[in-house]
Amino acid sequence: MSEIRIKIGQRIAELRKLRGMTQRDLAEATGFNRSNIGRIEQGRYSAGIEILNKIATALDAEIEINELK
């Protein structure tokens, strides 16, 4: 698994939980399958920018690109 996919998935799960949402809630808010949300959170699915944007919108978050250090 890609380290970046794992980090993104962990952050999505963290934001989802902070907002009191279940994976099912996030799936309903995005129109995605709950099992796909789970795979994204586990870093097992390579989500494209459109998918990540829908997730970010549902979580009231922004996608941010930072310089690597």
C-alpha atoms as a PDB file:
ATOM      1  CA  MET A   1       0.000   0.000   0.000  1.00  0.00           C
ATOM      2  CA  SER A   2       1.091   3.526  -0.718  1.00  0.00           C
ATOM      3  CA  GLU A   3       2.115   5.559   2.314  1.00  0.00           C
ATOM      4  CA  ILE A   4       0.301   8.630   0.996  1.00  0.00           C
ATOM      5  CA  ARG A   5      -2.947   6.673   0.479  1.00  0.00           C
ATOM      6  CA  ILE A   6      -2.706   5.464   4.075  1.00  0.00           C
ATOM      7  CA  LYS A   7      -2.152   9.016   5.391  1.00  0.00           C
ATOM      8  CA  ILE A   8      -5.044  10.403   3.349  1.00  0.00           C
ATOM      9  CA  GLY A   9      -7.319   7.585   4.490  1.00  0.00           C
ATOM     10  CA  GLN A  10      -6.391   8.118   8.127  1.00  0.00           C
ATOM     11  CA  ARG A  11      -7.116  11.833   7.839  1.00  0.00           C
ATOM     12  CA  ILE A  12     -10.493  11.182   6.219  1.00  0.00           C
ATOM     13  CA  ALA A  13     -11.407   8.767   9.028  1.00  0.00           C
ATOM     14  CA  GLU A  14     -10.245  11.288  11.638  1.00  0.00           C
ATOM     15  CA  LEU A  15     -12.322  14.118  10.150  1.00  0.00           C
ATOM     16  CA  ARG A  16     -15.338  11.844   9.748  1.00  0.00           C
ATOM     17  CA  LYS A  17     -15.194  10.814  13.399  1.00  0.00           C
ATOM     18  CA  LEU A  18     -14.649  14.413  14.570  1.00  0.00           C
ATOM     19  CA  ARG A  19     -17.889  15.297  12.809  1.00  0.00           C
ATOM     20  CA  GLY A  20     -19.732  12.408  14.444  1.00  0.00           C
ATOM     21  CA  MET A  21     -20.276  10.601  11.153  1.00  0.00           C
ATOM     22  CA  THR A  22     -20.235   6.887  10.456  1.00  0.00           C
ATOM     23  CA  GLN A  23     -18.864   5.439   7.239  1.00  0.00           C
ATOM     24  CA  ARG A  24     -22.473   4.915   6.207  1.00  0.00           C
ATOM     25  CA  ASP A  25     -23.229   8.615   6.835  1.00  0.00           C
ATOM     26  CA  LEU A  26     -20.264   9.635   4.696  1.00  0.00           C
ATOM     27  CA  ALA A  27     -21.271   7.188   1.985  1.00  0.00           C
ATOM     28  CA  GLU A  28     -24.776   8.663   1.880  1.00  0.00           C
ATOM     29  CA  ALA A  29     -23.412  12.222   1.806  1.00  0.00           C
ATOM     30  CA  THR A  30     -21.088  11.438  -1.109  1.00  0.00           C
ATOM     31  CA  GLY A  31     -23.141   8.895  -3.030  1.00  0.00           C
ATOM     32  CA  PHE A  32     -20.384   6.295  -2.682  1.00  0.00           C
ATOM     33  CA  ASN A  33     -20.661   2.751  -1.403  1.00  0.00           C
ATOM     34  CA  ARG A  34     -19.877   2.344   2.321  1.00  0.00           C
ATOM     35  CA  SER A  35     -17.365  -0.402   1.555  1.00  0.00           C
ATOM     36  CA  ASN A  36     -15.498   1.970  -0.786  1.00  0.00           C
ATOM     37  CA  ILE A  37     -15.327   4.567   1.983  1.00  0.00           C
ATOM     38  CA  GLY A  38     -13.826   1.867   4.209  1.00  0.00           C
ATOM     39  CA  ARG A  39     -11.243   0.929   1.567  1.00  0.00           C
ATOM     40  CA  ILE A  40     -10.286   4.589   1.085  1.00  0.00           C
ATOM     41  CA  GLU A  41      -9.866   5.044   4.853  1.00  0.00           C
ATOM     42  CA  GLN A  42      -7.694   1.929   5.016  1.00  0.00           C
ATOM     43  CA  GLY A  43      -5.504   3.130   2.151  1.00  0.00           C
ATOM     44  CA  ARG A  44      -6.534   0.179  -0.007  1.00  0.00           C
ATOM     45  CA  TYR A  45      -8.202   2.260  -2.739  1.00  0.00           C
ATOM     46  CA  SER A  46      -6.561   4.904  -4.885  1.00  0.00           C
ATOM     47  CA  ALA A  47      -9.144   7.693  -4.938  1.00  0.00           C
ATOM     48  CA  GLY A  48      -8.991  10.297  -7.677  1.00  0.00           C
ATOM     49  CA  ILE A  49      -9.320  14.023  -7.111  1.00  0.00           C
ATOM     50  CA  GLU A  50     -13.057  14.040  -7.895  1.00  0.00           C
ATOM     51  CA  ILE A  51     -13.730  11.418  -5.230  1.00  0.00           C
ATOM     52  CA  LEU A  52     -11.523  13.197  -2.703  1.00  0.00           C
ATOM     53  CA  ASN A  53     -13.267  16.481  -3.482  1.00  0.00           C
ATOM     54  CA  LYS A  54     -16.711  14.951  -2.835  1.00  0.00           C
ATOM     55  CA  ILE A  55     -15.452  13.503   0.447  1.00  0.00           C
ATOM     56  CA  ALA A  56     -13.876  16.822   1.467  1.00  0.00           C
ATOM     57  CA  THR A  57     -17.106  18.672   0.668  1.00  0.00           C
ATOM     58  CA  ALA A  58     -19.154  16.195   2.729  1.00  0.00           C
ATOM     59  CA  LEU A  59     -16.719  16.650   5.624  1.00  0.00           C
ATOM     60  CA  ASP A  60     -16.707  20.452   5.263  1.00  0.00           C
ATOM     61  CA  ALA A  61     -12.968  20.289   4.613  1.00  0.00           C
ATOM     62  CA  GLU A  62     -10.545  21.398   1.926  1.00  0.00           C
ATOM     63  CA  ILE A  63      -7.972  19.523  -0.113  1.00  0.00           C
ATOM     64  CA  GLU A  64      -4.577  21.090   0.437  1.00  0.00           C
ATOM     65  CA  ILE A  65      -1.295  20.385  -1.297  1.00  0.00           C
ATOM     66  CA  ASN A  66       1.819  21.093   0.723  1.00  0.00           C
ATOM     67  CA  GLU A  67       5.438  21.176  -0.264  1.00  0.00           C
ATOM     68  CA  LEU A  68       7.281  17.978   0.623  1.00  0.00           C
ATOM     69  CA  LYS A  69      10.032  18.409   3.179  1.00  0.00           C
END
